[in-house]
């Protein structure tokens, strides 16, 4: 079942990228406010 681990890795990478983007936007918004 190599495809199961492959799909799991792809989903993990996508979720990590989405969380990283959301975290960067959140921190930029906090830094923008004095």
Protein backbone atom coordinates (compact mmCIF):
# COMPACT_ATOMS: atom_id res chain seq x y z
CA UNK A 1 0.00 0.00 0.00
CA UNK A 2 2.60 2.54 -1.09
CA UNK A 3 -0.11 4.92 -2.32
CA UNK A 4 -1.58 5.22 1.19
CA UNK A 5 1.70 6.51 2.63
CA UNK A 6 2.19 8.71 -0.46
CA UNK A 7 -1.26 10.32 -0.07
CA UNK A 8 -0.67 10.70 3.67
CA UNK A 9 2.63 12.48 3.01
CA UNK A 10 1.06 14.78 0.43
CA UNK A 11 -1.81 15.69 2.75
CA UNK A 12 0.65 16.31 5.58
CA UNK A 13 2.77 18.58 3.39
CA UNK A 14 -0.30 20.49 2.14
CA UNK A 15 -1.69 20.93 5.66
CA UNK A 16 1.72 22.09 6.90
CA UNK A 17 1.93 24.66 4.09
CA UNK A 18 -1.60 25.93 4.78
CA UNK A 19 -0.96 26.20 8.54
CA UNK A 20 2.35 27.96 7.88
CA UNK A 21 0.66 30.48 5.55
CA UNK A 22 -2.14 31.15 8.04
CA UNK A 23 0.39 31.54 10.87
CA UNK A 24 2.45 34.00 8.83
CA UNK A 25 -0.65 36.06 8.02
CA UNK A 26 -1.67 36.06 11.69
CA UNK A 27 1.77 37.18 12.87
CA UNK A 28 1.97 39.88 10.20
CA UNK A 29 -1.43 41.23 11.28
CA UNK A 30 -0.27 41.31 14.91
CA UNK A 31 2.98 43.05 13.97
CA UNK A 32 1.10 45.65 11.88
CA UNK A 33 -0.89 46.86 14.88
CA UNK A 34 1.07 49.12 17.27
